[in-house]
Amino acid sequence: MSGCHGPQMKMDPALHQDKKPSWIKVRLPNNPVFWSTKSLITDLKLVTVCEEAQCPNRWECWGQGTATFMIAGEKCTRACGFCAVKTAKPDALEGDEPYRVAEATRRMKLRHVVITAVARDDLKDGGAEHFQQTIEAVRAMNPGIVIEVLVPDFNDRDWALQMVMDARPHIFNHNLETVERLTPLVRSRAKYHRSLAVLKKAKAMVNGKVASKSGIMLGLGETRDEILRAMDDLLEADVTVLTMGQYLRPTPRHLPVVEYIEPAAFDELKQIAIAKGFRHVASGPLVRSSYHAADFRPELDIMDEIEKAAPTRGLDLQPEDLPIPAAKAALVKASVA
């Protein structure tokens, strides 16, 4: 493809461990729900990170009727060494995409949706307004749904980040991806401390009333001490939800898998993370940012403060009880048209 290029290999390819261990298994589709989910996504002309990033769990998740929607196109302006999403000059944003995503959540009867996007450094706001419109359209079409966003760093533009937070997602996710030492090798343009700053500022922008989440990949050559330091840095950035999974090389042009981490090591790291202060931790070889995202409900963490202030004790508060802005009338009309 003209203008399309892959990541630059910055690690010795000889480090790659080609033979996958027995615990790295992919479940093939055997559920009719998988095919109905695939058909719906095709019908609405939507892009999923499940397919674009070659997620090893896409068969399982689609078989359960869940998917992570990737907005703002399928071409990324960055070329990270771990990511299978294509790098190329992006197409123009599609104005009706927010409503197509909203319609998908309605048809799928979702109670939890994850919305992510490619990095759009070609746009002044990095795609922030498109996130805002998608959140508002989903809320208008599907009131009460838990909305989780997995965002790029918007080049640390506070005003762009504020646009996303003004739409009041329940869960704000921005992945650290790796330890500080490896960040220049693994992540294109992104910076370790910039990501930490984005996480901290996003939570501050809504006075703490959002569950903050981040994730790191293991197996890229990081040390145990570096992993523990990354945990501490994320806690300092007010992150409460942590995911840890095994890096799997999507193509030979991507960074090598230096090590396959054993399940027992993931379990141990989970216990360490919880002891350090994370409220929710998902840790395992096939864990990804959106894997079983609705299994634990970190959005309920932010109910604590509301419940303490409630005049009546024992209220059964739910995500829809959050003090979020009402959907704009124009969006409601457009969503149900």
Protein backbone atom coordinates (compact mmCIF):
# COMPACT_ATOMS: atom_id res chain seq x y z
CA MET A 1 0.00 0.00 0.00
CA SER A 2 1.36 3.39 -0.96
CA GLY A 3 2.47 5.38 2.08
CA CYS A 4 2.07 2.41 4.39
CA HIS A 5 5.02 1.24 6.40
CA GLY A 6 5.56 -1.10 9.29
CA PRO A 7 7.47 -0.68 12.52
CA GLN A 8 11.22 -0.36 12.51
CA MET A 9 12.92 -3.35 14.13
CA LYS A 10 15.04 -2.05 16.98
CA MET A 11 15.75 -5.28 18.83
CA ASP A 12 17.91 -8.16 17.68
CA PRO A 13 15.54 -10.54 15.82
CA ALA A 14 17.64 -13.43 17.11
CA LEU A 15 16.12 -12.80 20.55
CA HIS A 16 12.75 -14.05 19.32
CA GLN A 17 11.36 -17.20 20.95
CA ASP A 18 9.44 -18.72 18.06
CA LYS A 19 8.01 -21.81 19.72
CA LYS A 20 4.90 -20.96 21.73
CA PRO A 21 4.48 -22.77 25.05
CA SER A 22 1.49 -24.96 25.81
CA TRP A 23 -0.34 -22.28 27.77
CA ILE A 24 -0.64 -20.01 24.72
CA LYS A 25 -3.75 -21.39 23.12
CA VAL A 26 -6.32 -19.77 20.83
CA ARG A 27 -9.91 -20.93 20.90
CA LEU A 28 -11.49 -21.18 17.46
CA PRO A 29 -15.12 -20.13 16.97
CA ASN A 30 -17.72 -22.80 17.71
CA ASN A 31 -20.58 -20.58 18.84
CA PRO A 32 -23.27 -19.22 16.49
CA VAL A 33 -23.11 -15.93 18.42
CA PHE A 34 -19.63 -15.44 16.93
CA TRP A 35 -21.03 -15.39 13.41
CA SER A 36 -23.94 -13.12 14.31
CA THR A 37 -21.53 -10.68 15.95
CA LYS A 38 -19.28 -10.77 12.88
CA SER A 39 -22.29 -10.22 10.61
CA LEU A 40 -23.51 -7.25 12.64
CA ILE A 41 -20.10 -5.57 12.61
CA THR A 42 -19.87 -6.08 8.85
CA ASP A 43 -23.41 -4.79 8.31
CA LEU A 44 -22.72 -1.58 10.23
CA LYS A 45 -19.33 -1.16 8.56
CA LEU A 46 -17.53 -0.98 11.88
CA VAL A 47 -13.88 -1.62 12.69
CA THR A 48 -12.86 -3.63 15.75
CA VAL A 49 -9.51 -3.66 17.47
CA CYS A 50 -10.19 -7.37 17.93
CA GLU A 51 -9.42 -7.95 14.26
CA GLU A 52 -7.05 -5.08 13.52
CA ALA A 53 -4.73 -5.91 16.43
CA GLN A 54 -5.06 -9.68 15.86
CA CYS A 55 -6.20 -10.20 19.44
CA PRO A 56 -5.83 -13.87 20.44
CA ASN A 57 -9.14 -13.74 22.29
CA ARG A 58 -11.33 -12.45 19.47
CA TRP A 59 -12.91 -15.85 18.85
CA GLU A 60 -13.94 -16.16 22.49
CA CYS A 61 -15.17 -12.58 22.92
CA TRP A 62 -17.18 -12.55 19.70
CA GLY A 63 -18.64 -15.88 20.72
CA GLN A 64 -19.94 -14.12 23.82
CA GLY A 65 -21.37 -11.25 21.78
CA THR A 66 -18.82 -8.64 22.84
CA ALA A 67 -16.38 -6.56 20.82
CA THR A 68 -14.12 -3.54 21.24
CA PHE A 69 -14.98 -0.90 18.67
CA MET A 70 -12.13 1.01 17.05
CA ILE A 71 -13.24 4.42 15.82
CA ALA A 72 -11.54 7.04 13.65
CA GLY A 73 -10.49 4.60 10.96
CA GLU A 74 -8.15 1.64 10.65
CA LYS A 75 -4.98 3.51 9.67
CA CYS A 76 -2.71 4.75 12.44
CA THR A 77 -0.26 7.65 12.25
CA ARG A 78 2.19 5.83 14.51
CA ALA A 79 4.22 2.67 13.95
CA CYS A 80 4.64 0.99 17.31
CA GLY A 81 6.89 -2.06 17.33
CA PHE A 82 4.28 -4.33 18.92
CA CYS A 83 1.09 -3.36 17.10
CA ALA A 84 -0.52 -5.04 14.08
CA VAL A 85 -2.67 -2.02 13.15
CA LYS A 86 -1.51 -0.65 9.80
CA THR A 87 0.44 2.61 9.61
CA ALA A 88 -0.63 4.91 6.77
CA LYS A 89 -2.15 8.28 6.01
CA PRO A 90 -5.60 8.08 7.65
CA ASP A 91 -8.86 8.67 5.84
CA ALA A 92 -11.26 11.44 6.79
CA LEU A 93 -13.43 10.83 9.84
CA GLU A 94 -16.88 9.40 9.13
CA GLY A 95 -19.53 11.64 10.61
CA ASP A 96 -22.04 8.85 11.13
CA GLU A 97 -19.63 6.44 12.78
CA PRO A 98 -20.62 7.41 16.36
CA TYR A 99 -24.22 6.48 15.57
CA ARG A 100 -23.22 3.19 13.93
CA VAL A 101 -21.30 2.25 17.08
CA ALA A 102 -24.30 3.25 19.19
CA GLU A 103 -26.60 1.14 17.02
CA ALA A 104 -24.27 -1.84 17.47
CA THR A 105 -24.46 -1.55 21.27
CA ARG A 106 -28.25 -1.45 21.02
CA ARG A 107 -28.52 -4.47 18.73
CA MET A 108 -26.04 -6.45 20.82
CA LYS A 109 -27.85 -5.45 24.04
CA LEU A 110 -24.51 -4.53 25.57
CA ARG A 111 -24.22 -3.43 29.19
CA HIS A 112 -20.52 -2.64 28.81
CA VAL A 113 -18.81 -1.25 25.73
CA VAL A 114 -15.14 -0.53 25.07
CA ILE A 115 -14.34 2.22 22.56
CA THR A 116 -10.80 2.72 21.32
CA ALA A 117 -9.10 4.41 18.38
CA VAL A 118 -5.95 4.59 16.34
CA ALA A 119 -3.60 7.49 16.99
CA ARG A 120 -4.69 10.40 14.79
CA ASP A 121 -1.74 12.77 14.97
CA ASP A 122 -2.96 14.26 11.68
CA LEU A 123 -5.87 15.85 13.53
CA LYS A 124 -5.37 18.87 15.78
CA ASP A 125 -7.41 17.26 18.57
CA GLY A 126 -6.05 13.75 17.94
CA GLY A 127 -9.60 12.49 17.45
CA ALA A 128 -10.84 13.67 20.86
CA GLU A 129 -14.05 15.22 19.53
CA HIS A 130 -14.85 11.98 17.70
CA PHE A 131 -14.49 10.11 21.01
CA GLN A 132 -16.79 12.64 22.65
CA GLN A 133 -19.44 12.27 19.95
CA THR A 134 -19.26 8.48 20.11
CA ILE A 135 -19.66 8.40 23.89
CA GLU A 136 -22.64 10.74 23.71
CA ALA A 137 -24.27 8.81 20.86
CA VAL A 138 -23.87 5.49 22.69
CA ARG A 139 -25.33 6.96 25.88
CA ALA A 140 -28.28 8.41 23.95
CA MET A 141 -29.03 5.12 22.22
CA ASN A 142 -28.30 2.85 25.19
CA PRO A 143 -28.87 4.64 28.52
CA GLY A 144 -27.31 2.93 31.51
CA ILE A 145 -24.56 1.21 29.52
CA VAL A 146 -21.09 1.23 31.08
CA ILE A 147 -18.76 3.11 28.73
CA GLU A 148 -15.05 2.37 28.76
CA VAL A 149 -12.63 4.27 26.55
CA LEU A 150 -9.11 3.23 25.60
CA VAL A 151 -7.48 6.35 24.24
CA PRO A 152 -4.20 7.50 22.67
CA ASP A 153 -2.25 10.27 24.42
CA PHE A 154 -3.58 13.15 22.24
CA ASN A 155 0.01 14.44 22.31
CA ASP A 156 -0.68 15.57 25.88
CA ARG A 157 -3.02 18.36 24.77
CA ASP A 158 -5.09 19.04 27.87
CA TRP A 159 -7.93 20.69 25.97
CA ALA A 160 -8.32 17.59 23.79
CA LEU A 161 -8.28 15.26 26.79
CA GLN A 162 -10.87 17.50 28.45
CA MET A 163 -13.25 16.93 25.53
CA VAL A 164 -13.21 13.19 26.21
CA MET A 165 -13.63 13.61 29.94
CA ASP A 166 -16.50 16.08 29.48
CA ALA A 167 -18.42 13.20 27.91
CA ARG A 168 -17.94 11.33 31.21
CA PRO A 169 -16.89 7.78 30.41
CA HIS A 170 -17.16 5.44 33.38
CA ILE A 171 -13.73 3.91 32.77
CA PHE A 172 -10.75 5.75 31.31
CA ASN A 173 -8.00 3.51 29.93
CA HIS A 174 -4.66 4.55 28.49
CA ASN A 175 -2.03 1.85 28.25
CA LEU A 176 1.52 2.33 29.49
CA GLU A 177 2.35 -0.73 27.35
CA THR A 178 5.84 -1.39 28.74
CA VAL A 179 8.45 -0.33 31.30
CA GLU A 180 10.27 2.99 31.09
CA ARG A 181 13.55 1.64 29.66
CA LEU A 182 11.85 -0.13 26.75
CA THR A 183 9.36 2.61 25.87
CA PRO A 184 11.53 4.24 23.14
CA LEU A 185 11.90 0.82 21.47
CA VAL A 186 8.31 -0.32 21.82
CA ARG A 187 6.17 2.78 21.35
CA SER A 188 6.27 5.15 18.39
CA ARG A 189 6.31 8.82 19.53
CA ALA A 190 4.73 7.96 22.86
CA LYS A 191 6.57 8.79 26.06
CA TYR A 192 6.47 6.93 29.35
CA HIS A 193 5.97 9.95 31.60
CA ARG A 194 3.57 11.57 29.16
CA SER A 195 1.29 8.54 29.45
CA LEU A 196 1.45 8.71 33.24
CA ALA A 197 0.58 12.41 33.08
CA VAL A 198 -2.41 11.75 30.80
CA LEU A 199 -3.77 9.15 33.23
CA LYS A 200 -3.39 11.43 36.22
CA LYS A 201 -4.86 14.49 34.52
CA ALA A 202 -7.85 12.61 33.12
CA LYS A 203 -8.91 11.58 36.60
CA ALA A 204 -8.35 15.06 38.02
CA MET A 205 -10.50 16.59 35.27
CA VAL A 206 -13.60 14.86 36.67
CA ASN A 207 -12.63 15.21 40.33
CA GLY A 208 -11.71 11.55 40.57
CA LYS A 209 -15.10 10.32 39.39
CA VAL A 210 -13.80 7.88 36.81
CA ALA A 211 -12.18 4.48 37.14
CA SER A 212 -8.70 4.76 35.66
CA LYS A 213 -7.07 1.80 33.97
CA SER A 214 -3.79 0.93 32.27
CA GLY A 215 -1.96 -2.11 31.00
CA ILE A 216 1.50 -3.43 30.26
CA MET A 217 2.83 -6.23 28.07
CA LEU A 218 5.39 -8.69 29.37
CA GLY A 219 7.98 -10.70 27.50
CA LEU A 220 9.79 -7.85 25.76
CA GLY A 221 12.90 -8.13 27.90
CA GLU A 222 11.79 -6.16 30.94
CA THR A 223 13.08 -7.10 34.40
CA ARG A 224 11.03 -7.87 37.48
CA ASP A 225 12.23 -4.70 39.19
CA GLU A 226 11.17 -2.65 36.17
CA ILE A 227 7.69 -4.17 36.28
CA LEU A 228 7.35 -3.32 39.97
CA ARG A 229 8.52 0.22 39.29
CA ALA A 230 5.92 0.59 36.55
CA MET A 231 3.26 -0.53 39.04
CA ASP A 232 4.41 2.13 41.50
CA ASP A 233 4.40 4.80 38.79
CA LEU A 234 0.86 3.89 37.77
CA LEU A 235 -0.35 4.03 41.36
CA GLU A 236 1.27 7.46 41.68
CA ALA A 237 -0.77 8.46 38.61
CA ASP A 238 -3.96 7.42 40.47
CA VAL A 239 -4.58 4.30 38.35
CA THR A 240 -6.75 1.72 40.09
CA VAL A 241 -7.13 -1.00 37.43
CA LEU A 242 -4.17 -2.87 35.95
CA THR A 243 -3.95 -5.44 33.16
CA MET A 244 -0.86 -7.52 32.40
CA GLY A 245 -0.53 -9.90 29.46
CA GLN A 246 1.99 -11.69 27.28
CA TYR A 247 3.32 -9.87 24.23
CA LEU A 248 2.80 -11.92 21.07
CA ARG A 249 4.57 -10.87 17.89
CA PRO A 250 2.00 -10.26 15.12
CA THR A 251 4.49 -10.53 12.22
CA PRO A 252 8.25 -11.08 11.75
CA ARG A 253 8.57 -7.33 11.15
CA HIS A 254 7.54 -6.62 14.73
CA LEU A 255 9.54 -6.78 17.94
CA PRO A 256 10.70 -10.22 19.06
CA VAL A 257 9.19 -12.14 21.95
CA VAL A 258 12.18 -12.26 24.27
CA GLU A 259 10.48 -14.46 26.85
CA TYR A 260 7.23 -16.33 27.43
CA ILE A 261 6.12 -15.61 30.99
CA GLU A 262 4.71 -18.60 32.83
CA PRO A 263 1.14 -18.41 34.21
CA ALA A 264 2.44 -18.79 37.77
CA ALA A 265 4.55 -15.65 37.33
CA PHE A 266 1.48 -13.73 36.13
CA ASP A 267 -0.41 -14.95 39.20
CA GLU A 268 2.39 -13.79 41.49
CA LEU A 269 2.52 -10.37 39.84
CA LYS A 270 -1.23 -10.05 40.31
CA GLN A 271 -0.91 -10.64 44.04
CA ILE A 272 1.94 -8.13 44.26
CA ALA A 273 -0.11 -5.53 42.38
CA ILE A 274 -3.10 -6.00 44.68
CA ALA A 275 -0.86 -5.76 47.74
CA LYS A 276 0.57 -2.52 46.37
CA GLY A 277 -2.89 -0.98 46.16
CA PHE A 278 -4.55 -1.69 42.81
CA ARG A 279 -8.24 -2.38 43.28
CA HIS A 280 -8.63 -4.61 40.23
CA VAL A 281 -5.98 -6.65 38.43
CA ALA A 282 -6.24 -8.95 35.42
CA SER A 283 -3.00 -10.82 34.83
CA GLY A 284 -2.34 -13.77 32.54
CA PRO A 285 -0.74 -14.82 29.26
CA LEU A 286 -3.76 -13.99 27.10
CA VAL A 287 -5.01 -10.98 29.06
CA ARG A 288 -5.53 -7.87 26.94
CA SER A 289 -6.88 -4.44 27.85
CA SER A 290 -10.43 -5.28 26.87
CA TYR A 291 -10.45 -9.00 27.65
CA HIS A 292 -13.48 -9.82 29.84
CA ALA A 293 -13.71 -6.09 30.54
CA ALA A 294 -17.15 -6.46 32.09
CA ASP A 295 -16.20 -9.34 34.40
CA PHE A 296 -15.06 -6.94 37.10
CA ARG A 297 -16.76 -3.61 37.52
CA PRO A 298 -14.26 -0.92 38.43
CA GLU A 299 -16.81 1.73 37.54
CA LEU A 300 -18.50 0.88 40.85
CA ASP A 301 -15.42 2.13 42.70
CA ILE A 302 -16.47 5.69 41.98
CA MET A 303 -19.83 5.06 43.63
CA ASP A 304 -18.18 5.04 47.05
CA GLU A 305 -17.90 8.80 47.21
CA ILE A 306 -21.46 9.29 45.96
CA GLU A 307 -22.84 6.78 48.46
CA LYS A 308 -21.07 8.48 51.37
CA ALA A 309 -22.71 11.74 50.42
CA ALA A 310 -26.15 10.18 49.92
CA PRO A 311 -28.76 11.22 52.53
CA THR A 312 -30.12 7.69 52.73
CA ARG A 313 -27.86 4.77 53.62
CA GLY A 314 -27.88 1.51 51.77
CA LEU A 315 -28.64 2.87 48.32
CA ASP A 316 -28.14 0.38 45.53
CA LEU A 317 -26.18 2.67 43.25
CA GLN A 318 -25.45 1.69 39.67
CA PRO A 319 -23.30 3.19 36.88
CA GLU A 320 -26.32 5.07 35.52
CA ASP A 321 -26.50 6.94 38.85
CA LEU A 322 -23.28 8.77 38.02
CA PRO A 323 -23.61 12.55 37.71
CA ILE A 324 -23.10 12.46 33.95
CA PRO A 325 -24.48 15.07 31.55
CA ALA A 326 -27.71 14.32 29.76
CA ALA A 327 -27.37 13.37 26.11
CA LYS A 328 -27.84 16.30 23.78
CA ALA A 329 -31.27 16.45 22.14
CA ALA A 330 -29.75 16.56 18.64
CA LEU A 331 -27.76 13.41 19.37
CA VAL A 332 -30.81 11.58 20.70
CA LYS A 333 -32.78 12.51 17.58
CA ALA A 334 -29.96 11.46 15.25
CA SER A 335 -29.37 8.20 17.12
CA VAL A 336 -32.96 7.00 16.92
CA ALA A 337 -33.63 8.24 13.39
